[in-house]
Structure formats: structure tokens, C-alpha cells
Amino acid sequence: MVVVWGNSAKAELKKAFDYISLDSVQNAIMVRDIKIDMTLDLAKNPEKHPLDKFKTSNDGTWLAFEKHHYRVSYRVLKDQIRVVRMRHTSQSPLKY
């Protein structure tokens, strides 16, 4: 199974990288790489994280995890895992 980052999630990852790199480029690289590695690891076990509690009418294909104060939401489809959003946990959660 392949992992695909949506445009919104990619933009948020870049925004997080840019913000963290203002303080430390080394930390920004570490956080970015961990996020990417964790999502790539989903191909081995897509259901390892809990259901996304902020997804209304969740049919069981929407899951999420938090790491380094960022929440990553993804959807498990038949032939791919789509990373749909990444938000800092200090932001008010959006129901979608």
C-alpha cells in the first residue's frame, strides 16, 4: 500500500518546518523526518492508530495520531493511505 500526502497536509508540514527552523534547523529536520517516517510506516499497519474523533460520520477509514504537538489525520483507502491534514495541537480542532 502506498502513502500519499494531500496538498493541504504537505503545506502544513512545510509551514511547521519553517516555523521550527526559526529556532533550530536541526530540530525542524528531525520533526519533519519523524512525521514522514511515521506516515510511511502506516503502509505496514494502517490501523495502528485510533479513529479520528474529529471526523464527523467516520466510516472507520479515518484515523489520526499526535506527535511533537502535531496531529496528523489520514484515511485508509483500498489502494492507498492518504494523509489529509496536519495541525498543531494548540489550534482548536476542526470537525470535518
PDB file of N, CA and C in Angstrom:
ATOM      1  N   MET A   1       0.847  -1.175   0.000  1.00  0.00           N
ATOM      2  CA  MET A   1       0.000   0.000   0.000  1.00  0.00           C
ATOM      3  C   MET A   1       0.894   1.239   0.000  1.00  0.00           C
ATOM      4  N   VAL A   2       0.479   2.238  -0.716  1.00  0.00           N
ATOM      5  CA  VAL A   2       1.263   3.460  -0.865  1.00  0.00           C
ATOM      6  C   VAL A   2       0.671   4.566   0.020  1.00  0.00           C
ATOM      7  N   VAL A   3       1.553   5.422   0.533  1.00  0.00           N
ATOM      8  CA  VAL A   3       1.143   6.560   1.357  1.00  0.00           C
ATOM      9  C   VAL A   3       1.264   7.821   0.506  1.00  0.00           C
ATOM     10  N   VAL A   4       0.178   8.598   0.449  1.00  0.00           N
ATOM     11  CA  VAL A   4       0.139   9.822  -0.356  1.00  0.00           C
ATOM     12  C   VAL A   4      -0.217  10.989   0.561  1.00  0.00           C
ATOM     13  N   TRP A   5       0.573  12.052   0.497  1.00  0.00           N
ATOM     14  CA  TRP A   5       0.285  13.270   1.263  1.00  0.00           C
ATOM     15  C   TRP A   5      -0.559  14.186   0.390  1.00  0.00           C
ATOM     16  N   GLY A   6      -1.680  14.635   0.927  1.00  0.00           N
ATOM     17  CA  GLY A   6      -2.509  15.620   0.240  1.00  0.00           C
ATOM     18  C   GLY A   6      -1.841  16.983   0.263  1.00  0.00           C
ATOM     19  N   ASN A   7      -2.285  17.874  -0.627  1.00  0.00           N
ATOM     20  CA  ASN A   7      -1.666  19.201  -0.734  1.00  0.00           C
ATOM     21  C   ASN A   7      -1.764  19.999   0.557  1.00  0.00           C
ATOM     22  N   SER A   8      -2.901  19.934   1.225  1.00  0.00           N
ATOM     23  CA  SER A   8      -3.081  20.676   2.481  1.00  0.00           C
ATOM     24  C   SER A   8      -2.114  20.161   3.549  1.00  0.00           C
ATOM     25  N   ALA A   9      -1.985  18.850   3.666  1.00  0.00           N
ATOM     26  CA  ALA A   9      -1.077  18.264   4.657  1.00  0.00           C
ATOM     27  C   ALA A   9       0.374  18.623   4.342  1.00  0.00           C
ATOM     28  N   LYS A  10       0.744  18.603   3.067  1.00  0.00           N
ATOM     29  CA  LYS A  10       2.107  18.980   2.675  1.00  0.00           C
ATOM     30  C   LYS A  10       2.389  20.437   3.018  1.00  0.00           C
ATOM     31  N   ALA A  11       1.414  21.297   2.767  1.00  0.00           N
ATOM     32  CA  ALA A  11       1.589  22.718   3.069  1.00  0.00           C
ATOM     33  C   ALA A  11       1.763  22.938   4.573  1.00  0.00           C
ATOM     34  N   GLU A  12       0.989  22.203   5.383  1.00  0.00           N
ATOM     35  CA  GLU A  12       1.115  22.329   6.837  1.00  0.00           C
ATOM     36  C   GLU A  12       2.458  21.793   7.327  1.00  0.00           C
ATOM     37  N   LEU A  13       2.944  20.721   6.719  1.00  0.00           N
ATOM     38  CA  LEU A  13       4.258  20.184   7.091  1.00  0.00           C
ATOM     39  C   LEU A  13       5.345  21.217   6.790  1.00  0.00           C
ATOM     40  N   LYS A  14       5.261  21.857   5.638  1.00  0.00           N
ATOM     41  CA  LYS A  14       6.244  22.879   5.282  1.00  0.00           C
ATOM     42  C   LYS A  14       6.146  24.079   6.229  1.00  0.00           C
ATOM     43  N   LYS A  15       4.913  24.477   6.565  1.00  0.00           N
ATOM     44  CA  LYS A  15       4.718  25.593   7.484  1.00  0.00           C
ATOM     45  C   LYS A  15       5.322  25.270   8.855  1.00  0.00           C
ATOM     46  N   ALA A  16       5.121  24.046   9.328  1.00  0.00           N
ATOM     47  CA  ALA A  16       5.694  23.627  10.610  1.00  0.00           C
ATOM     48  C   ALA A  16       7.222  23.627  10.537  1.00  0.00           C
ATOM     49  N   PHE A  17       7.760  23.105   9.437  1.00  0.00           N
ATOM     50  CA  PHE A  17       9.211  23.085   9.256  1.00  0.00           C
ATOM     51  C   PHE A  17       9.776  24.506   9.294  1.00  0.00           C
ATOM     52  N   ASP A  18       9.146  25.412   8.550  1.00  0.00           N
ATOM     53  CA  ASP A  18       9.627  26.797   8.502  1.00  0.00           C
ATOM     54  C   ASP A  18       9.576  27.446   9.884  1.00  0.00           C
ATOM     55  N   TYR A  19       8.504  27.206  10.623  1.00  0.00           N
ATOM     56  CA  TYR A  19       8.362  27.800  11.956  1.00  0.00           C
ATOM     57  C   TYR A  19       9.414  27.253  12.923  1.00  0.00           C
ATOM     58  N   ILE A  20       9.575  25.938  12.960  1.00  0.00           N
ATOM     59  CA  ILE A  20      10.541  25.326  13.878  1.00  0.00           C
ATOM     60  C   ILE A  20      11.963  25.733  13.509  1.00  0.00           C
ATOM     61  N   SER A  21      12.236  25.860  12.207  1.00  0.00           N
ATOM     62  CA  SER A  21      13.595  26.204  11.778  1.00  0.00           C
ATOM     63  C   SER A  21      13.998  27.624  12.166  1.00  0.00           C
ATOM     64  N   LEU A  22      13.029  28.478  12.515  1.00  0.00           N
ATOM     65  CA  LEU A  22      13.376  29.812  13.017  1.00  0.00           C
ATOM     66  C   LEU A  22      14.180  29.704  14.299  1.00  0.00           C
ATOM     67  N   ASP A  23      13.909  28.666  15.069  1.00  0.00           N
ATOM     68  CA  ASP A  23      14.620  28.420  16.317  1.00  0.00           C
ATOM     69  C   ASP A  23      15.780  27.453  16.115  1.00  0.00           C
ATOM     70  N   SER A  24      15.533  26.371  15.350  1.00  0.00           N
ATOM     71  CA  SER A  24      16.556  25.347  15.168  1.00  0.00           C
ATOM     72  C   SER A  24      16.287  24.550  13.887  1.00  0.00           C
ATOM     73  N   VAL A  25      17.162  24.695  12.920  1.00  0.00           N
ATOM     74  CA  VAL A  25      17.029  23.936  11.672  1.00  0.00           C
ATOM     75  C   VAL A  25      17.167  22.444  11.959  1.00  0.00           C
ATOM     76  N   GLN A  26      18.055  22.096  12.869  1.00  0.00           N
ATOM     77  CA  GLN A  26      18.264  20.692  13.223  1.00  0.00           C
ATOM     78  C   GLN A  26      16.974  20.082  13.784  1.00  0.00           C
ATOM     79  N   ASN A  27      16.289  20.790  14.672  1.00  0.00           N
ATOM     80  CA  ASN A  27      15.025  20.284  15.220  1.00  0.00           C
ATOM     81  C   ASN A  27      13.947  20.218  14.150  1.00  0.00           C
ATOM     82  N   ALA A  28      13.923  21.201  13.254  1.00  0.00           N
ATOM     83  CA  ALA A  28      12.938  21.198  12.173  1.00  0.00           C
ATOM     84  C   ALA A  28      13.116  19.975  11.283  1.00  0.00           C
ATOM     85  N   ILE A  29      14.343  19.659  10.963  1.00  0.00           N
ATOM     86  CA  ILE A  29      14.629  18.474  10.140  1.00  0.00           C
ATOM     87  C   ILE A  29      14.208  17.213  10.873  1.00  0.00           C
ATOM     88  N   MET A  30      14.515  17.138  12.166  1.00  0.00           N
ATOM     89  CA  MET A  30      14.154  15.959  12.951  1.00  0.00           C
ATOM     90  C   MET A  30      12.635  15.761  12.987  1.00  0.00           C
ATOM     91  N   VAL A  31      11.890  16.819  13.297  1.00  0.00           N
ATOM     92  CA  VAL A  31      10.433  16.716  13.384  1.00  0.00           C
ATOM     93  C   VAL A  31       9.852  16.342  12.028  1.00  0.00           C
ATOM     94  N   ARG A  32      10.310  16.992  10.970  1.00  0.00           N
ATOM     95  CA  ARG A  32       9.822  16.675   9.621  1.00  0.00           C
ATOM     96  C   ARG A  32      10.074  15.212   9.265  1.00  0.00           C
ATOM     97  N   ASP A  33      11.303  14.761   9.504  1.00  0.00           N
ATOM     98  CA  ASP A  33      11.653  13.389   9.141  1.00  0.00           C
ATOM     99  C   ASP A  33      10.867  12.362   9.952  1.00  0.00           C
ATOM    100  N   ILE A  34      10.647  12.638  11.231  1.00  0.00           N
ATOM    101  CA  ILE A  34       9.858  11.724  12.055  1.00  0.00           C
ATOM    102  C   ILE A  34       8.426  11.652  11.546  1.00  0.00           C
ATOM    103  N   LYS A  35       7.845  12.809  11.203  1.00  0.00           N
ATOM    104  CA  LYS A  35       6.470  12.829  10.669  1.00  0.00           C
ATOM    105  C   LYS A  35       6.390  12.001   9.386  1.00  0.00           C
ATOM    106  N   ILE A  36       7.331  12.211   8.493  1.00  0.00           N
ATOM    107  CA  ILE A  36       7.324  11.476   7.222  1.00  0.00           C
ATOM    108  C   ILE A  36       7.523   9.991   7.478  1.00  0.00           C
ATOM    109  N   ASP A  37       8.472   9.626   8.333  1.00  0.00           N
ATOM    110  CA  ASP A  37       8.718   8.212   8.639  1.00  0.00           C
ATOM    111  C   ASP A  37       7.494   7.551   9.267  1.00  0.00           C
ATOM    112  N   MET A  38       6.818   8.277  10.167  1.00  0.00           N
ATOM    113  CA  MET A  38       5.636   7.699  10.816  1.00  0.00           C
ATOM    114  C   MET A  38       4.519   7.451   9.801  1.00  0.00           C
ATOM    115  N   THR A  39       4.369   8.354   8.846  1.00  0.00           N
ATOM    116  CA  THR A  39       3.322   8.135   7.845  1.00  0.00           C
ATOM    117  C   THR A  39       3.711   7.031   6.876  1.00  0.00           C
ATOM    118  N   LEU A  40       4.972   6.953   6.503  1.00  0.00           N
ATOM    119  CA  LEU A  40       5.401   5.862   5.619  1.00  0.00           C
ATOM    120  C   LEU A  40       5.241   4.513   6.305  1.00  0.00           C
ATOM    121  N   ASP A  41       5.433   4.495   7.612  1.00  0.00           N
ATOM    122  CA  ASP A  41       5.286   3.265   8.388  1.00  0.00           C
ATOM    123  C   ASP A  41       3.834   2.773   8.412  1.00  0.00           C
ATOM    124  N   LEU A  42       2.896   3.656   8.110  1.00  0.00           N
ATOM    125  CA  LEU A  42       1.485   3.269   8.094  1.00  0.00           C
ATOM    126  C   LEU A  42       1.206   2.197   7.042  1.00  0.00           C
ATOM    127  N   ALA A  43       2.021   2.128   6.001  1.00  0.00           N
ATOM    128  CA  ALA A  43       1.823   1.124   4.958  1.00  0.00           C
ATOM    129  C   ALA A  43       1.893  -0.293   5.529  1.00  0.00           C
ATOM    130  N   LYS A  44       2.673  -0.481   6.586  1.00  0.00           N
ATOM    131  CA  LYS A  44       2.809  -1.806   7.220  1.00  0.00           C
ATOM    132  C   LYS A  44       1.614  -2.136   8.106  1.00  0.00           C
ATOM    133  N   ASN A  45       1.064  -1.129   8.767  1.00  0.00           N
ATOM    134  CA  ASN A  45      -0.038  -1.352   9.704  1.00  0.00           C
ATOM    135  C   ASN A  45      -0.934  -0.109   9.722  1.00  0.00           C
ATOM    136  N   PRO A  46      -1.809   0.043   8.731  1.00  0.00           N
ATOM    137  CA  PRO A  46      -2.609   1.264   8.613  1.00  0.00           C
ATOM    138  C   PRO A  46      -3.535   1.542   9.784  1.00  0.00           C
ATOM    139  N   GLU A  47      -3.998   0.508  10.475  1.00  0.00           N
ATOM    140  CA  GLU A  47      -4.960   0.701  11.560  1.00  0.00           C
ATOM    141  C   GLU A  47      -4.308   0.766  12.937  1.00  0.00           C
ATOM    142  N   LYS A  48      -3.028   1.099  13.004  1.00  0.00           N
ATOM    143  CA  LYS A  48      -2.333   1.106  14.289  1.00  0.00           C
ATOM    144  C   LYS A  48      -2.753   2.256  15.195  1.00  0.00           C
ATOM    145  N   HIS A  49      -3.365   3.292  14.623  1.00  0.00           N
ATOM    146  CA  HIS A  49      -3.783   4.456  15.407  1.00  0.00           C
ATOM    147  C   HIS A  49      -5.297   4.460  15.577  1.00  0.00           C
ATOM    148  N   PRO A  50      -5.806   5.217  16.552  1.00  0.00           N
ATOM    149  CA  PRO A  50      -7.256   5.244  16.799  1.00  0.00           C
ATOM    150  C   PRO A  50      -8.013   6.007  15.714  1.00  0.00           C
ATOM    151  N   LEU A  51      -9.314   5.798  15.712  1.00  0.00           N
ATOM    152  CA  LEU A  51     -10.184   6.525  14.792  1.00  0.00           C
ATOM    153  C   LEU A  51     -10.065   8.028  15.055  1.00  0.00           C
ATOM    154  N   ASP A  52     -10.226   8.824  14.010  1.00  0.00           N
ATOM    155  CA  ASP A  52     -10.161  10.273  14.126  1.00  0.00           C
ATOM    156  C   ASP A  52     -11.446  10.764  14.781  1.00  0.00           C
ATOM    157  N   LYS A  53     -11.337  11.212  16.022  1.00  0.00           N
ATOM    158  CA  LYS A  53     -12.516  11.610  16.797  1.00  0.00           C
ATOM    159  C   LYS A  53     -13.132  12.920  16.310  1.00  0.00           C
ATOM    160  N   PHE A  54     -12.434  13.657  15.449  1.00  0.00           N
ATOM    161  CA  PHE A  54     -12.957  14.915  14.946  1.00  0.00           C
ATOM    162  C   PHE A  54     -13.609  14.774  13.567  1.00  0.00           C
ATOM    163  N   LYS A  55     -13.567  13.585  12.997  1.00  0.00           N
ATOM    164  CA  LYS A  55     -14.209  13.341  11.707  1.00  0.00           C
ATOM    165  C   LYS A  55     -15.660  12.975  11.949  1.00  0.00           C
ATOM    166  N   THR A  56     -16.567  13.824  11.465  1.00  0.00           N
ATOM    167  CA  THR A  56     -17.989  13.527  11.615  1.00  0.00           C
ATOM    168  C   THR A  56     -18.349  12.427  10.622  1.00  0.00           C
ATOM    169  N   SER A  57     -19.259  11.576  11.016  1.00  0.00           N
ATOM    170  CA  SER A  57     -19.686  10.451  10.169  1.00  0.00           C
ATOM    171  C   SER A  57     -18.492   9.603   9.728  1.00  0.00           C
ATOM    172  N   ASN A  58     -17.624   9.292  10.669  1.00  0.00           N
ATOM    173  CA  ASN A  58     -16.446   8.488  10.369  1.00  0.00           C
ATOM    174  C   ASN A  58     -16.884   7.062  10.068  1.00  0.00           C
ATOM    175  N   ASP A  59     -16.571   6.602   8.883  1.00  0.00           N
ATOM    176  CA  ASP A  59     -16.946   5.249   8.467  1.00  0.00           C
ATOM    177  C   ASP A  59     -15.904   4.205   8.857  1.00  0.00           C
ATOM    178  N   GLY A  60     -14.938   4.608   9.688  1.00  0.00           N
ATOM    179  CA  GLY A  60     -13.900   3.690  10.140  1.00  0.00           C
ATOM    180  C   GLY A  60     -12.626   3.763   9.326  1.00  0.00           C
ATOM    181  N   THR A  61     -12.617   4.593   8.279  1.00  0.00           N
ATOM    182  CA  THR A  61     -11.423   4.708   7.441  1.00  0.00           C
ATOM    183  C   THR A  61     -10.576   5.926   7.790  1.00  0.00           C
ATOM    184  N   TRP A  62     -11.081   6.776   8.675  1.00  0.00           N
ATOM    185  CA  TRP A  62     -10.368   7.999   9.073  1.00  0.00           C
ATOM    186  C   TRP A  62      -9.712   7.785  10.433  1.00  0.00           C
ATOM    187  N   LEU A  63      -8.380   7.909  10.498  1.00  0.00           N
ATOM    188  CA  LEU A  63      -7.628   7.700  11.727  1.00  0.00           C
ATOM    189  C   LEU A  63      -6.702   8.895  11.965  1.00  0.00           C
ATOM    190  N   ALA A  64      -6.117   8.959  13.152  1.00  0.00           N
ATOM    191  CA  ALA A  64      -5.241  10.094  13.464  1.00  0.00           C
ATOM    192  C   ALA A  64      -4.247   9.717  14.565  1.00  0.00           C
ATOM    193  N   PHE A  65      -3.142  10.460  14.610  1.00  0.00           N
ATOM    194  CA  PHE A  65      -2.160  10.309  15.683  1.00  0.00           C
ATOM    195  C   PHE A  65      -1.542  11.666  15.974  1.00  0.00           C
ATOM    196  N   GLU A  66      -0.950  11.787  17.152  1.00  0.00           N
ATOM    197  CA  GLU A  66      -0.268  13.015  17.558  1.00  0.00           C
ATOM    198  C   GLU A  66       1.190  12.710  17.885  1.00  0.00           C
ATOM    199  N   LYS A  67       2.054  13.620  17.473  1.00  0.00           N
ATOM    200  CA  LYS A  67       3.485  13.511  17.769  1.00  0.00           C
ATOM    201  C   LYS A  67       4.086  14.903  17.681  1.00  0.00           C
ATOM    202  N   HIS A  68       4.909  15.265  18.657  1.00  0.00           N
ATOM    203  CA  HIS A  68       5.564  16.573  18.701  1.00  0.00           C
ATOM    204  C   HIS A  68       4.558  17.712  18.573  1.00  0.00           C
ATOM    205  N   HIS A  69       3.450  17.598  19.258  1.00  0.00           N
ATOM    206  CA  HIS A  69       2.414  18.632  19.293  1.00  0.00           C
ATOM    207  C   HIS A  69       1.724  18.852  17.951  1.00  0.00           C
ATOM    208  N   TYR A  70       1.814  17.887  17.057  1.00  0.00           N
ATOM    209  CA  TYR A  70       1.104  17.959  15.789  1.00  0.00           C
ATOM    210  C   TYR A  70       0.197  16.745  15.654  1.00  0.00           C
ATOM    211  N   ARG A  71      -0.987  16.994  15.162  1.00  0.00           N
ATOM    212  CA  ARG A  71      -1.973  15.938  14.949  1.00  0.00           C
ATOM    213  C   ARG A  71      -2.060  15.665  13.455  1.00  0.00           C
ATOM    214  N   VAL A  72      -1.869  14.418  13.075  1.00  0.00           N
ATOM    215  CA  VAL A  72      -1.897  14.008  11.670  1.00  0.00           C
ATOM    216  C   VAL A  72      -3.128  13.134  11.458  1.00  0.00           C
ATOM    217  N   SER A  73      -3.978  13.535  10.515  1.00  0.00           N
ATOM    218  CA  SER A  73      -5.182  12.779  10.178  1.00  0.00           C
ATOM    219  C   SER A  73      -4.972  12.113   8.823  1.00  0.00           C
ATOM    220  N   TYR A  74      -5.408  10.872   8.722  1.00  0.00           N
ATOM    221  CA  TYR A  74      -5.232  10.150   7.464  1.00  0.00           C
ATOM    222  C   TYR A  74      -6.426   9.232   7.204  1.00  0.00           C
ATOM    223  N   ARG A  75      -6.559   8.834   5.945  1.00  0.00           N
ATOM    224  CA  ARG A  75      -7.654   7.963   5.551  1.00  0.00           C
ATOM    225  C   ARG A  75      -7.088   6.726   4.877  1.00  0.00           C
ATOM    226  N   VAL A  76      -7.575   5.571   5.302  1.00  0.00           N
ATOM    227  CA  VAL A  76      -7.149   4.308   4.720  1.00  0.00           C
ATOM    228  C   VAL A  76      -8.139   3.934   3.620  1.00  0.00           C
ATOM    229  N   LEU A  77      -7.659   3.930   2.391  1.00  0.00           N
ATOM    230  CA  LEU A  77      -8.468   3.554   1.235  1.00  0.00           C
ATOM    231  C   LEU A  77      -8.048   2.175   0.742  1.00  0.00           C
ATOM    232  N   LYS A  78      -8.708   1.698  -0.268  1.00  0.00           N
ATOM    233  CA  LYS A  78      -8.440   0.350  -0.778  1.00  0.00           C
ATOM    234  C   LYS A  78      -6.987   0.173  -1.223  1.00  0.00           C
ATOM    235  N   ASP A  79      -6.452   1.152  -1.956  1.00  0.00           N
ATOM    236  CA  ASP A  79      -5.126   1.005  -2.531  1.00  0.00           C
ATOM    237  C   ASP A  79      -4.106   2.033  -2.046  1.00  0.00           C
ATOM    238  N   GLN A  80      -4.511   2.902  -1.105  1.00  0.00           N
ATOM    239  CA  GLN A  80      -3.576   3.905  -0.606  1.00  0.00           C
ATOM    240  C   GLN A  80      -3.993   4.418   0.762  1.00  0.00           C
ATOM    241  N   ILE A  81      -3.029   5.042   1.413  1.00  0.00           N
ATOM    242  CA  ILE A  81      -3.270   5.753   2.663  1.00  0.00           C
ATOM    243  C   ILE A  81      -3.046   7.220   2.331  1.00  0.00           C
ATOM    244  N   ARG A  82      -4.053   8.043   2.546  1.00  0.00           N
ATOM    245  CA  ARG A  82      -3.977   9.459   2.194  1.00  0.00           C
ATOM    246  C   ARG A  82      -3.875  10.297   3.464  1.00  0.00           C
ATOM    247  N   VAL A  83      -2.751  10.988   3.620  1.00  0.00           N
ATOM    248  CA  VAL A  83      -2.569  11.918   4.730  1.00  0.00           C
ATOM    249  C   VAL A  83      -3.320  13.190   4.332  1.00  0.00           C
ATOM    250  N   VAL A  84      -4.367  13.517   5.108  1.00  0.00           N
ATOM    251  CA  VAL A  84      -5.249  14.609   4.694  1.00  0.00           C
ATOM    252  C   VAL A  84      -4.992  15.926   5.411  1.00  0.00           C
ATOM    253  N   ARG A  85      -4.493  15.867   6.633  1.00  0.00           N
ATOM    254  CA  ARG A  85      -4.233  17.127   7.327  1.00  0.00           C
ATOM    255  C   ARG A  85      -3.228  16.936   8.449  1.00  0.00           C
ATOM    256  N   MET A  86      -2.601  18.053   8.792  1.00  0.00           N
ATOM    257  CA  MET A  86      -1.673  18.100   9.912  1.00  0.00           C
ATOM    258  C   MET A  86      -1.910  19.445  10.589  1.00  0.00           C
ATOM    259  N   ARG A  87      -2.172  19.421  11.875  1.00  0.00           N
ATOM    260  CA  ARG A  87      -2.447  20.657  12.620  1.00  0.00           C
ATOM    261  C   ARG A  87      -1.711  20.626  13.943  1.00  0.00           C
ATOM    262  N   HIS A  88      -1.282  21.800  14.372  1.00  0.00           N
ATOM    263  CA  HIS A  88      -0.672  21.907  15.689  1.00  0.00           C
ATOM    264  C   HIS A  88      -1.766  21.686  16.729  1.00  0.00           C
ATOM    265  N   THR A  89      -1.449  20.980  17.786  1.00  0.00           N
ATOM    266  CA  THR A  89      -2.457  20.642  18.794  1.00  0.00           C
ATOM    267  C   THR A  89      -2.933  21.853  19.590  1.00  0.00           C
ATOM    268  N   SER A  90      -2.223  22.977  19.515  1.00  0.00           N
ATOM    269  CA  SER A  90      -2.684  24.178  20.202  1.00  0.00           C
ATOM    270  C   SER A  90      -3.819  24.855  19.439  1.00  0.00           C
ATOM    271  N   GLN A  91      -3.995  24.507  18.176  1.00  0.00           N
ATOM    272  CA  GLN A  91      -5.108  25.041  17.404  1.00  0.00           C
ATOM    273  C   GLN A  91      -6.397  24.346  17.802  1.00  0.00           C
ATOM    274  N   SER A  92      -7.477  25.073  17.741  1.00  0.00           N
ATOM    275  CA  SER A  92      -8.770  24.456  18.022  1.00  0.00           C
ATOM    276  C   SER A  92      -9.038  23.392  16.977  1.00  0.00           C
ATOM    277  N   PRO A  93      -9.453  22.215  17.403  1.00  0.00           N
ATOM    278  CA  PRO A  93      -9.696  21.149  16.427  1.00  0.00           C
ATOM    279  C   PRO A  93     -10.883  21.512  15.528  1.00  0.00           C
ATOM    280  N   LEU A  94     -10.783  21.117  14.287  1.00  0.00           N
ATOM    281  CA  LEU A  94     -11.865  21.338  13.342  1.00  0.00           C
ATOM    282  C   LEU A  94     -12.595  20.040  13.118  1.00  0.00           C
ATOM    283  N   LYS A  95     -13.909  20.093  13.213  1.00  0.00           N
ATOM    284  CA  LYS A  95     -14.702  18.934  12.839  1.00  0.00           C
ATOM    285  C   LYS A  95     -14.821  19.003  11.328  1.00  0.00           C
ATOM    286  N   TYR A  96     -14.695  17.881  10.683  1.00  0.00           N
ATOM    287  CA  TYR A  96     -14.795  17.873   9.232  1.00  0.00           C
ATOM    288  C   TYR A  96     -15.502  16.618   8.763  1.00  0.00           C
TER     289      TYR A  96
END
